[in-house]
Amino acid sequence: MTRRITHIIKKLLIRSLYKRYVSSNAIIQADMQQTLEVRGSEVASATPHKQFDHLMLYYPEFAFLFFWRIKQKPWFYKLFAKNFNCKIFKSTPIGGGLMCYHPFGTVINAQSIGKNFQFRNGLTIGNKHNDNSLLPVIGDDVTVGAQVVIIGAINIGNHVVIGAGSVVVKDVPSHSVVAGNPAKVIRRLSHE
């Protein structure tokens, strides 16, 4: 297929996907808005349809999360998303505003994750002793660095930043920055 034909096919598919999955889905729209705002995109103030078009064409990480949200990998999946070797369990509810940077080598299995969750490559969130009743609960507005491990029946509060390479095995209070192995609070954040 020539690049021009591929582009036309993508545009047609995007139009159909938008009508079917995005136009009335507040969670996917929150994912779109969060991604565009954090990345400083010029299309952040455009119509939702134009935002979706831009994200699907130029952000394969967004496309990967979009197909996870709709719980499908149609035949044309590879036109938009790369194989990041990333697994997000379907049983993990995640609030709107989900965003990732390079989700390579990531496994996410949590009891729940709040809104505006951001993560980077090499993240492992999971159970302890292979027992799915021992899963983490993660609050709103949590940002996780690369190569982080979050394991067990722990609670991570709201407005938390987890530094790269951290191993989190105990509760993390809201409005804090944690880092290290094992992770410890290294700074408190303002409540603004």
Protein backbone atom coordinates (compact mmCIF):
# COMPACT_ATOMS: atom_id res chain seq x y z
CA MET A 1 0.00 0.00 0.00
CA THR A 2 1.27 3.44 -0.78
CA ARG A 3 1.56 5.96 2.02
CA ARG A 4 -1.26 8.04 0.57
CA ILE A 5 -3.69 5.11 0.43
CA THR A 6 -2.70 4.07 3.97
CA HIS A 7 -3.34 7.63 5.18
CA ILE A 8 -6.79 7.71 3.53
CA ILE A 9 -7.70 4.35 5.09
CA LYS A 10 -6.55 5.61 8.51
CA LYS A 11 -8.64 8.77 8.19
CA LEU A 12 -11.76 6.75 7.30
CA LEU A 13 -11.17 4.37 10.18
CA ILE A 14 -10.62 7.27 12.58
CA ARG A 15 -13.93 8.84 11.56
CA SER A 16 -15.73 5.54 12.20
CA LEU A 17 -13.94 4.92 15.52
CA TYR A 18 -14.74 8.43 16.70
CA LYS A 19 -18.45 8.07 16.00
CA ARG A 20 -18.66 4.61 17.56
CA TYR A 21 -16.44 4.94 20.63
CA VAL A 22 -15.38 8.52 21.36
CA SER A 23 -18.17 11.02 20.66
CA SER A 24 -20.16 10.04 23.77
CA ASN A 25 -17.41 8.56 25.97
CA ALA A 26 -16.24 10.98 28.67
CA ILE A 27 -13.43 8.68 29.84
CA ILE A 28 -11.77 8.45 26.43
CA GLN A 29 -12.25 12.21 25.97
CA ALA A 30 -10.48 12.76 29.33
CA ASP A 31 -7.62 10.51 28.10
CA MET A 32 -7.39 12.67 24.98
CA GLN A 33 -7.41 15.96 26.88
CA GLN A 34 -4.82 14.81 29.41
CA THR A 35 -2.46 13.57 26.71
CA LEU A 36 -2.72 16.77 24.68
CA GLU A 37 -2.33 19.07 27.70
CA VAL A 38 0.64 17.23 29.19
CA ARG A 39 2.40 17.04 25.85
CA GLY A 40 1.67 20.72 25.10
CA SER A 41 -0.02 19.98 21.80
CA GLU A 42 -1.39 22.80 19.67
CA VAL A 43 -4.58 20.83 19.00
CA ALA A 44 -5.58 20.83 22.70
CA SER A 45 -8.15 23.54 21.96
CA ALA A 46 -9.45 21.95 18.73
CA THR A 47 -12.70 20.02 18.41
CA PRO A 48 -12.71 16.56 20.02
CA HIS A 49 -12.86 14.97 16.56
CA LYS A 50 -9.71 16.80 15.44
CA GLN A 51 -8.00 15.95 18.74
CA PHE A 52 -8.79 12.26 18.27
CA ASP A 53 -7.62 12.38 14.65
CA HIS A 54 -4.30 13.94 15.70
CA LEU A 55 -3.73 11.53 18.57
CA MET A 56 -4.47 8.41 16.52
CA LEU A 57 -2.19 9.53 13.68
CA TYR A 58 0.80 10.77 15.68
CA TYR A 59 0.74 9.15 19.14
CA PRO A 60 0.91 5.34 18.98
CA GLU A 61 0.93 5.24 22.80
CA PHE A 62 -2.48 6.90 22.82
CA ALA A 63 -3.74 4.49 20.14
CA PHE A 64 -2.57 1.55 22.29
CA LEU A 65 -4.53 2.88 25.29
CA PHE A 66 -7.56 3.66 23.12
CA PHE A 67 -7.78 0.07 21.87
CA TRP A 68 -7.37 -1.16 25.47
CA ARG A 69 -10.27 1.10 26.52
CA ILE A 70 -12.58 -0.30 23.86
CA LYS A 71 -11.38 -3.84 24.68
CA GLN A 72 -10.67 -4.68 21.05
CA LYS A 73 -7.73 -5.16 18.73
CA PRO A 74 -9.32 -5.07 15.27
CA TRP A 75 -7.50 -6.10 12.10
CA PHE A 76 -6.31 -2.52 11.57
CA TYR A 77 -4.81 -2.15 15.09
CA LYS A 78 -1.24 -2.20 13.73
CA LEU A 79 -1.97 0.80 11.48
CA PHE A 80 -2.17 2.96 14.60
CA ALA A 81 -0.55 1.26 17.60
CA LYS A 82 2.78 -0.46 18.04
CA ASN A 83 3.34 -3.68 19.88
CA PHE A 84 4.62 -2.26 23.16
CA ASN A 85 4.60 -5.62 24.96
CA CYS A 86 2.38 -3.96 27.53
CA LYS A 87 -0.42 -5.70 29.37
CA ILE A 88 -3.16 -3.89 31.24
CA PHE A 89 -5.52 -6.39 32.83
CA LYS A 90 -9.12 -5.94 31.67
CA SER A 91 -10.19 -6.30 35.30
CA THR A 92 -8.33 -3.11 36.27
CA PRO A 93 -10.66 -0.08 36.25
CA ILE A 94 -8.78 3.11 35.37
CA GLY A 95 -10.32 6.61 35.50
CA GLY A 96 -10.24 9.08 32.63
CA GLY A 97 -7.06 10.95 31.81
CA LEU A 98 -4.90 7.83 31.39
CA MET A 99 -1.61 8.64 29.68
CA CYS A 100 1.62 6.79 29.01
CA TYR A 101 5.06 7.45 27.63
CA HIS A 102 6.70 4.46 25.93
CA PRO A 103 4.74 1.68 27.67
CA PHE A 104 7.27 -1.04 26.77
CA GLY A 105 7.55 -3.96 29.17
CA THR A 106 4.65 -2.85 31.39
CA VAL A 107 2.17 -5.00 33.32
CA ILE A 108 -0.72 -3.35 35.20
CA ASN A 109 -2.96 -5.41 37.47
CA ALA A 110 -4.56 -3.24 40.17
CA GLN A 111 -7.75 -3.24 42.17
CA SER A 112 -8.40 0.27 40.84
CA ILE A 113 -6.57 3.30 39.48
CA GLY A 114 -7.99 6.82 39.66
CA LYS A 115 -8.15 9.57 37.07
CA ASN A 116 -5.16 11.27 35.43
CA PHE A 117 -2.79 8.31 35.86
CA GLN A 118 0.51 8.72 33.98
CA PHE A 119 3.15 6.02 33.61
CA ARG A 120 6.38 5.23 31.81
CA ASN A 121 8.12 2.10 30.55
CA GLY A 122 8.93 -0.93 32.64
CA LEU A 123 6.12 -0.45 35.18
CA THR A 124 4.93 -3.47 37.15
CA ILE A 125 1.76 -3.19 39.23
CA GLY A 126 0.54 -6.44 40.65
CA ASN A 127 -0.45 -8.81 43.37
CA LYS A 128 1.56 -10.39 46.14
CA HIS A 129 2.08 -14.16 46.34
CA ASN A 130 0.08 -14.60 43.12
CA ASP A 131 -3.09 -13.70 45.06
CA ASN A 132 -5.37 -11.30 43.16
CA SER A 133 -7.05 -10.26 46.41
CA LEU A 134 -3.76 -8.53 47.27
CA LEU A 135 -3.75 -5.79 44.63
CA PRO A 136 -2.86 -2.10 44.94
CA VAL A 137 -5.41 0.73 44.96
CA ILE A 138 -4.05 3.87 43.29
CA GLY A 139 -5.67 7.29 43.70
CA ASP A 140 -6.14 10.26 41.35
CA ASP A 141 -3.36 12.31 39.75
CA VAL A 142 -0.56 9.78 40.22
CA THR A 143 2.56 9.96 38.04
CA VAL A 144 4.89 6.97 37.92
CA GLY A 145 8.46 6.97 36.59
CA ALA A 146 10.19 4.27 34.57
CA GLN A 147 11.07 0.86 35.98
CA VAL A 148 8.78 1.12 39.02
CA VAL A 149 7.35 -1.86 40.92
CA ILE A 150 4.12 -1.48 42.94
CA ILE A 151 3.08 -4.71 44.63
CA GLY A 152 0.56 -5.93 47.17
CA ALA A 153 -2.59 -4.77 48.93
CA ILE A 154 -1.40 -1.21 49.41
CA ASN A 155 -2.99 2.20 48.94
CA ILE A 156 -1.38 5.03 47.01
CA GLY A 157 -3.05 8.35 47.73
CA ASN A 158 -3.95 11.24 45.44
CA HIS A 159 -1.42 13.64 43.91
CA VAL A 160 1.56 11.31 44.23
CA VAL A 161 4.77 11.17 42.20
CA ILE A 162 6.72 7.90 42.27
CA GLY A 163 10.36 8.24 41.20
CA ALA A 164 12.00 6.04 38.59
CA GLY A 165 13.27 2.70 39.81
CA SER A 166 11.20 2.74 43.00
CA VAL A 167 9.86 -0.39 44.67
CA VAL A 168 6.59 0.45 46.44
CA VAL A 169 5.41 -2.16 48.96
CA LYS A 170 3.80 0.06 51.61
CA ASP A 171 1.02 2.67 51.61
CA VAL A 172 1.89 6.08 50.15
CA PRO A 173 0.16 9.17 51.58
CA SER A 174 -1.52 11.75 49.35
CA HIS A 175 0.45 14.83 48.24
CA SER A 176 3.87 13.20 48.35
CA VAL A 177 6.88 12.26 46.26
CA VAL A 178 8.34 8.82 46.93
CA ALA A 179 11.50 7.16 45.65
CA GLY A 180 13.90 4.36 46.43
CA ASN A 181 13.93 0.66 47.21
CA PRO A 182 11.93 0.35 49.34
CA ALA A 183 10.17 3.60 48.41
CA LYS A 184 10.06 6.32 51.07
CA VAL A 185 8.53 9.79 51.15
CA ILE A 186 11.24 12.22 50.08
CA ARG A 187 9.08 15.33 49.80
CA ARG A 188 5.57 16.55 50.57
CA LEU A 189 3.60 18.39 47.88
CA SER A 190 1.39 21.40 48.51
CA HIS A 191 -2.37 20.80 48.63
CA GLU A 192 -3.17 23.33 45.88
